C-alpha atoms as a PDB file:
ATOM      1  CA  UNK A   1      13.636   9.656 -36.467  1.00  0.00           C
ATOM      2  CA  UNK A   2      12.256   8.388 -33.034  1.00  0.00           C
ATOM      3  CA  UNK A   3      11.223  12.765 -32.146  1.00  0.00           C
ATOM      4  CA  UNK A   4       8.961  12.596 -35.242  1.00  0.00           C
ATOM      5  CA  UNK A   5       7.418   8.711 -34.422  1.00  0.00           C
ATOM      6  CA  UNK A   6       6.929  10.032 -30.807  1.00  0.00           C
ATOM      7  CA  UNK A   7       5.380  13.527 -32.002  1.00  0.00           C
ATOM      8  CA  UNK A   8       3.155  11.040 -34.370  1.00  0.00           C
ATOM      9  CA  UNK A   9       2.366   8.853 -31.584  1.00  0.00           C
ATOM     10  CA  UNK A  10       1.110  11.891 -29.359  1.00  0.00           C
ATOM     11  CA  UNK A  11      -1.007  13.292 -32.324  1.00  0.00           C
ATOM     12  CA  UNK A  12      -2.543  10.096 -33.500  1.00  0.00           C
ATOM     13  CA  UNK A  13      -3.294   9.207 -29.593  1.00  0.00           C
ATOM     14  CA  UNK A  14      -4.830  12.198 -28.684  1.00  0.00           C
ATOM     15  CA  UNK A  15      -7.357  12.474 -31.907  1.00  0.00           C
ATOM     16  CA  UNK A  16      -7.838   8.168 -30.661  1.00  0.00           C
ATOM     17  CA  UNK A  17      -8.454   9.775 -27.034  1.00  0.00           C
ATOM     18  CA  UNK A  18     -10.046  12.730 -28.456  1.00  0.00           C
ATOM     19  CA  UNK A  19     -12.792  10.861 -31.082  1.00  0.00           C
ATOM     20  CA  UNK A  20     -13.839   8.610 -28.074  1.00  0.00           C
ATOM     21  CA  UNK A  21     -14.534  11.253 -25.717  1.00  0.00           C
ATOM     22  CA  UNK A  22     -16.342  13.405 -28.262  1.00  0.00           C
ATOM     23  CA  UNK A  23     -18.298  10.606 -30.287  1.00  0.00           C
ATOM     24  CA  UNK A  24     -19.423   8.630 -27.613  1.00  0.00           C
ATOM     25  CA  UNK A  25     -18.654   9.741 -24.173  1.00  0.00           C
ATOM     26  CA  UNK A  26     -20.342  13.380 -24.179  1.00  0.00           C
ATOM     27  CA  UNK A  27     -23.374  12.562 -25.986  1.00  0.00           C
ATOM     28  CA  UNK A  28     -24.296  10.321 -22.593  1.00  0.00           C
ATOM     29  CA  UNK A  29     -22.596  11.890 -20.093  1.00  0.00           C
ATOM     30  CA  UNK A  30     -20.368   8.798 -19.519  1.00  0.00           C
ATOM     31  CA  UNK A  31     -17.191   9.572 -17.319  1.00  0.00           C
ATOM     32  CA  UNK A  32     -13.801   8.235 -17.916  1.00  0.00           C
ATOM     33  CA  UNK A  33     -11.671   7.835 -14.006  1.00  0.00           C
ATOM     34  CA  UNK A  34      -9.221  10.197 -12.825  1.00  0.00           C
ATOM     35  CA  UNK A  35      -8.198  13.675 -14.395  1.00  0.00           C
ATOM     36  CA  UNK A  36     -10.343  13.252 -17.550  1.00  0.00           C
ATOM     37  CA  UNK A  37     -13.435  12.177 -15.330  1.00  0.00           C
ATOM     38  CA  UNK A  38     -13.056  15.412 -13.430  1.00  0.00           C
ATOM     39  CA  UNK A  39     -13.052  17.404 -16.680  1.00  0.00           C
ATOM     40  CA  UNK A  40     -15.867  15.591 -17.823  1.00  0.00           C
ATOM     41  CA  UNK A  41     -17.761  16.188 -14.883  1.00  0.00           C
ATOM     42  CA  UNK A  42     -17.014  19.902 -14.467  1.00  0.00           C
ATOM     43  CA  UNK A  43     -18.282  20.004 -18.327  1.00  0.00           C
ATOM     44  CA  UNK A  44     -21.620  17.855 -17.741  1.00  0.00           C
ATOM     45  CA  UNK A  45     -22.261  20.236 -14.745  1.00  0.00           C
ATOM     46  CA  UNK A  46     -21.070  23.740 -15.725  1.00  0.00           C
ATOM     47  CA  UNK A  47     -20.189  23.695 -19.888  1.00  0.00           C
ATOM     48  CA  UNK A  48     -16.891  24.173 -18.688  1.00  0.00           C
ATOM     49  CA  UNK A  49     -14.378  23.128 -21.631  1.00  0.00           C
ATOM     50  CA  UNK A  50     -12.722  19.875 -21.311  1.00  0.00           C
ATOM     51  CA  UNK A  51      -9.178  20.002 -22.570  1.00  0.00           C
ATOM     52  CA  UNK A  52      -8.987  23.495 -20.650  1.00  0.00           C
ATOM     53  CA  UNK A  53      -9.923  21.783 -17.812  1.00  0.00           C
ATOM     54  CA  UNK A  54      -7.518  19.161 -17.904  1.00  0.00           C
ATOM     55  CA  UNK A  55      -4.630  21.302 -18.015  1.00  0.00           C
ATOM     56  CA  UNK A  56      -6.152  23.335 -14.974  1.00  0.00           C
ATOM     57  CA  UNK A  57      -7.102  20.163 -13.073  1.00  0.00           C
ATOM     58  CA  UNK A  58      -3.291  18.477 -14.038  1.00  0.00           C
ATOM     59  CA  UNK A  59      -0.831  22.033 -13.060  1.00  0.00           C
ATOM     60  CA  UNK A  60      -0.838  20.921  -9.466  1.00  0.00           C
ATOM     61  CA  UNK A  61       0.162  17.337 -10.821  1.00  0.00           C
ATOM     62  CA  UNK A  62       2.923  18.692 -13.284  1.00  0.00           C
ATOM     63  CA  UNK A  63       4.517  20.913 -10.466  1.00  0.00           C
ATOM     64  CA  UNK A  64       4.912  17.829  -8.203  1.00  0.00           C
ATOM     65  CA  UNK A  65       6.273  15.973 -11.346  1.00  0.00           C
ATOM     66  CA  UNK A  66       8.320  19.060 -11.863  1.00  0.00           C
ATOM     67  CA  UNK A  67      10.412  18.808  -8.569  1.00  0.00           C
ATOM     68  CA  UNK A  68       9.613  14.801  -7.753  1.00  0.00           C
ATOM     69  CA  UNK A  69       9.685  12.976 -11.107  1.00  0.00           C
ATOM     70  CA  UNK A  70      11.513  15.165 -13.737  1.00  0.00           C
ATOM     71  CA  UNK A  71      11.218  12.505 -16.391  1.00  0.00           C
ATOM     72  CA  UNK A  72       7.490  11.892 -16.119  1.00  0.00           C
ATOM     73  CA  UNK A  73       7.105  15.692 -16.443  1.00  0.00           C
ATOM     74  CA  UNK A  74       8.469  15.768 -19.663  1.00  0.00           C
ATOM     75  CA  UNK A  75       7.826  12.865 -21.293  1.00  0.00           C
ATOM     76  CA  UNK A  76       4.112  13.799 -20.396  1.00  0.00           C
ATOM     77  CA  UNK A  77       4.011  17.882 -20.617  1.00  0.00           C
ATOM     78  CA  UNK A  78       3.413  17.213 -24.732  1.00  0.00           C
ATOM     79  CA  UNK A  79       0.478  14.715 -24.166  1.00  0.00           C
ATOM     80  CA  UNK A  80      -1.152  16.319 -22.136  1.00  0.00           C
ATOM     81  CA  UNK A  81      -1.350  19.712 -24.296  1.00  0.00           C
ATOM     82  CA  UNK A  82      -1.838  17.816 -27.475  1.00  0.00           C
ATOM     83  CA  UNK A  83      -4.546  15.475 -26.274  1.00  0.00           C
ATOM     84  CA  UNK A  84      -6.528  18.484 -24.761  1.00  0.00           C
ATOM     85  CA  UNK A  85      -6.106  20.956 -27.469  1.00  0.00           C
ATOM     86  CA  UNK A  86      -7.351  17.962 -29.892  1.00  0.00           C
ATOM     87  CA  UNK A  87     -10.362  17.382 -27.506  1.00  0.00           C
ATOM     88  CA  UNK A  88     -11.514  20.504 -27.549  1.00  0.00           C
ATOM     89  CA  UNK A  89     -11.196  21.463 -31.492  1.00  0.00           C
ATOM     90  CA  UNK A  90     -13.071  18.125 -32.322  1.00  0.00           C
ATOM     91  CA  UNK A  91     -15.715  19.031 -30.091  1.00  0.00           C
ATOM     92  CA  UNK A  92     -18.100  19.911 -33.266  1.00  0.00           C
ATOM     93  CA  UNK A  93     -18.163  16.129 -34.108  1.00  0.00           C
ATOM     94  CA  UNK A  94     -20.184  15.299 -31.323  1.00  0.00           C
ATOM     95  CA  UNK A  95     -23.319  14.435 -32.717  1.00  0.00           C
ATOM     96  CA  UNK A  96     -21.993  12.521 -36.045  1.00  0.00           C
ATOM     97  CA  UNK A  97     -22.650   9.005 -34.089  1.00  0.00           C
ATOM     98  CA  UNK A  98     -26.235   8.062 -32.366  1.00  0.00           C
ATOM     99  CA  UNK A  99     -25.984   4.528 -30.985  1.00  0.00           C
ATOM    100  CA  UNK A 100     -26.985   2.884 -27.785  1.00  0.00           C
ATOM    101  CA  UNK A 101     -25.608   3.958 -24.938  1.00  0.00           C
ATOM    102  CA  UNK A 102     -24.144   1.049 -23.808  1.00  0.00           C
ATOM    103  CA  UNK A 103     -22.460   0.808 -27.050  1.00  0.00           C
ATOM    104  CA  UNK A 104     -21.653   4.216 -26.961  1.00  0.00           C
ATOM    105  CA  UNK A 105     -19.791   3.508 -23.462  1.00  0.00           C
ATOM    106  CA  UNK A 106     -17.616   0.379 -24.923  1.00  0.00           C
ATOM    107  CA  UNK A 107     -16.499   1.930 -28.475  1.00  0.00           C
ATOM    108  CA  UNK A 108     -15.671   5.177 -26.115  1.00  0.00           C
ATOM    109  CA  UNK A 109     -13.495   2.954 -23.616  1.00  0.00           C
ATOM    110  CA  UNK A 110     -11.631   1.169 -26.877  1.00  0.00           C
ATOM    111  CA  UNK A 111     -11.400   4.723 -28.552  1.00  0.00           C
ATOM    112  CA  UNK A 112      -9.600   6.245 -25.142  1.00  0.00           C
ATOM    113  CA  UNK A 113      -7.904   3.085 -24.185  1.00  0.00           C
ATOM    114  CA  UNK A 114      -6.341   3.016 -27.157  1.00  0.00           C
ATOM    115  CA  UNK A 115      -4.666   6.466 -27.767  1.00  0.00           C
ATOM    116  CA  UNK A 116      -3.585   6.206 -24.037  1.00  0.00           C
ATOM    117  CA  UNK A 117      -1.921   2.465 -24.821  1.00  0.00           C
ATOM    118  CA  UNK A 118      -0.134   3.826 -28.112  1.00  0.00           C
ATOM    119  CA  UNK A 119       1.246   7.024 -26.178  1.00  0.00           C
ATOM    120  CA  UNK A 120       2.188   4.795 -23.159  1.00  0.00           C
ATOM    121  CA  UNK A 121       4.094   2.224 -25.602  1.00  0.00           C
ATOM    122  CA  UNK A 122       5.890   5.216 -26.592  1.00  0.00           C
ATOM    123  CA  UNK A 123       6.729   6.385 -23.298  1.00  0.00           C
ATOM    124  CA  UNK A 124       4.922   9.418 -23.131  1.00  0.00           C
ATOM    125  CA  UNK A 125       1.003   9.874 -21.844  1.00  0.00           C
ATOM    126  CA  UNK A 126      -1.472  12.959 -21.075  1.00  0.00           C
ATOM    127  CA  UNK A 127      -0.274  13.158 -17.428  1.00  0.00           C
ATOM    128  CA  UNK A 128      -2.901  13.079 -14.545  1.00  0.00           C
ATOM    129  CA  UNK A 129      -3.594  10.405 -12.171  1.00  0.00           C
ATOM    130  CA  UNK A 130      -0.963   8.360 -12.650  1.00  0.00           C
ATOM    131  CA  UNK A 131       1.247   9.917 -11.430  1.00  0.00           C
ATOM    132  CA  UNK A 132      -0.756  10.448  -8.868  1.00  0.00           C
ATOM    133  CA  UNK A 133      -0.621   6.838  -8.089  1.00  0.00           C
ATOM    134  CA  UNK A 134       2.864   6.881  -8.607  1.00  0.00           C
ATOM    135  CA  UNK A 135       3.621   9.110  -6.037  1.00  0.00           C
ATOM    136  CA  UNK A 136       1.461   7.638  -3.290  1.00  0.00           C
ATOM    137  CA  UNK A 137       3.011   3.897  -4.469  1.00  0.00           C
ATOM    138  CA  UNK A 138       6.407   5.397  -3.704  1.00  0.00           C
ATOM    139  CA  UNK A 139       5.435   7.038  -0.370  1.00  0.00           C
ATOM    140  CA  UNK A 140       3.197   3.730   0.896  1.00  0.00           C
ATOM    141  CA  UNK A 141       4.250   0.717  -1.149  1.00  0.00           C
ATOM    142  CA  UNK A 142       0.467   0.149  -2.556  1.00  0.00           C
ATOM    143  CA  UNK A 143       0.345  -1.440  -6.592  1.00  0.00           C
ATOM    144  CA  UNK A 144       0.032   1.523  -8.520  1.00  0.00           C
ATOM    145  CA  UNK A 145      -2.451   0.028 -10.636  1.00  0.00           C
ATOM    146  CA  UNK A 146      -4.680  -0.473  -7.519  1.00  0.00           C
ATOM    147  CA  UNK A 147      -4.260   2.793  -6.486  1.00  0.00           C
ATOM    148  CA  UNK A 148      -5.112   4.238 -10.305  1.00  0.00           C
ATOM    149  CA  UNK A 149      -7.937   1.817 -10.025  1.00  0.00           C
ATOM    150  CA  UNK A 150      -9.372   3.399  -6.524  1.00  0.00           C
ATOM    151  CA  UNK A 151      -8.851   7.120  -7.587  1.00  0.00           C
ATOM    152  CA  UNK A 152     -10.937   6.431 -10.477  1.00  0.00           C
ATOM    153  CA  UNK A 153     -13.365   4.690  -8.757  1.00  0.00           C
ATOM    154  CA  UNK A 154     -13.409   7.317  -6.477  1.00  0.00           C
ATOM    155  CA  UNK A 155     -13.732   9.764  -9.589  1.00  0.00           C
ATOM    156  CA  UNK A 156     -17.051   7.937 -10.822  1.00  0.00           C
ATOM    157  CA  UNK A 157     -18.610   7.489  -7.834  1.00  0.00           C
ATOM    158  CA  UNK A 158     -18.470  11.084  -7.119  1.00  0.00           C
ATOM    159  CA  UNK A 159     -19.730  11.470 -11.059  1.00  0.00           C
ATOM    160  CA  UNK A 160     -22.693   9.398 -10.567  1.00  0.00           C
ATOM    161  CA  UNK A 161     -23.884  11.004  -7.409  1.00  0.00           C
ATOM    162  CA  UNK A 162     -23.819  14.641  -9.104  1.00  0.00           C
ATOM    163  CA  UNK A 163     -24.883  13.351 -12.275  1.00  0.00           C
ATOM    164  CA  UNK A 164     -26.837  10.242 -12.525  1.00  0.00           C
ATOM    165  CA  UNK A 165     -27.208   6.652 -11.659  1.00  0.00           C
ATOM    166  CA  UNK A 166     -27.103   6.302 -15.540  1.00  0.00           C
ATOM    167  CA  UNK A 167     -23.731   8.219 -15.412  1.00  0.00           C
ATOM    168  CA  UNK A 168     -22.016   6.037 -12.782  1.00  0.00           C
ATOM    169  CA  UNK A 169     -23.117   2.553 -14.385  1.00  0.00           C
ATOM    170  CA  UNK A 170     -21.889   3.360 -18.291  1.00  0.00           C
ATOM    171  CA  UNK A 171     -18.944   4.829 -16.433  1.00  0.00           C
ATOM    172  CA  UNK A 172     -17.754   1.872 -14.793  1.00  0.00           C
ATOM    173  CA  UNK A 173     -18.155   0.057 -18.026  1.00  0.00           C
ATOM    174  CA  UNK A 174     -16.574   2.480 -19.544  1.00  0.00           C
ATOM    175  CA  UNK A 175     -13.255   2.414 -17.356  1.00  0.00           C
ATOM    176  CA  UNK A 176     -13.238  -1.384 -17.540  1.00  0.00           C
ATOM    177  CA  UNK A 177     -12.877  -1.178 -21.329  1.00  0.00           C
ATOM    178  CA  UNK A 178     -10.105   1.589 -21.060  1.00  0.00           C
ATOM    179  CA  UNK A 179      -8.272  -0.406 -18.450  1.00  0.00           C
ATOM    180  CA  UNK A 180      -8.540  -4.010 -20.640  1.00  0.00           C
ATOM    181  CA  UNK A 181      -7.625  -1.674 -24.281  1.00  0.00           C
ATOM    182  CA  UNK A 182      -4.926   0.002 -22.587  1.00  0.00           C
ATOM    183  CA  UNK A 183      -3.477  -3.181 -21.075  1.00  0.00           C
ATOM    184  CA  UNK A 184      -3.604  -4.910 -24.603  1.00  0.00           C
ATOM    185  CA  UNK A 185      -2.293  -2.057 -26.498  1.00  0.00           C
ATOM    186  CA  UNK A 186       0.992  -1.970 -24.039  1.00  0.00           C
ATOM    187  CA  UNK A 187       1.408  -5.518 -23.826  1.00  0.00           C
ATOM    188  CA  UNK A 188       1.836  -6.181 -27.120  1.00  0.00           C
ATOM    189  CA  UNK A 189       5.080  -4.111 -27.172  1.00  0.00           C
ATOM    190  CA  UNK A 190       6.512  -6.217 -24.245  1.00  0.00           C
ATOM    191  CA  UNK A 191       6.053  -9.098 -26.491  1.00  0.00           C
ATOM    192  CA  UNK A 192       8.004  -8.129 -29.030  1.00  0.00           C
END
């Protein structure tokens, strides 16, 4: 039953993440942080597939995980593959919703944060920069949350520089909403 539940969580979380990206972020060239943000930059600049880019960018991270954090590797590989495939499968929904860019940044952040938070509640994730942050934390003792925020900030600054000021400002809002939503979803489980 546990594996069925975990599988269902990965699918629901991946769909939520994918809808957030496809319905709300991509129409306005808004970024999320980390690996997803890097994949979005490549998509906006070169029209590359977002899910495929997430997998390619994640390969070095998962190689580190295989050797240093085997449990992380096993807990994240399914989330990475499922979310990446679903992001590319749901690309056709992109023009279904029309709204102001600010609201789009907020709603996209809520859906992405919900998907990430739901997966984290069941000890799985899409992989990505949280592993890099954990690795740096182990070496330096710097707080993981601060490191993730720092990495996300770098991605957004690069994206803002390469794309537009609008991308930069809307992405800040999205990353804040993702962080808040993820925190709310994951804290509910620790309270029970």
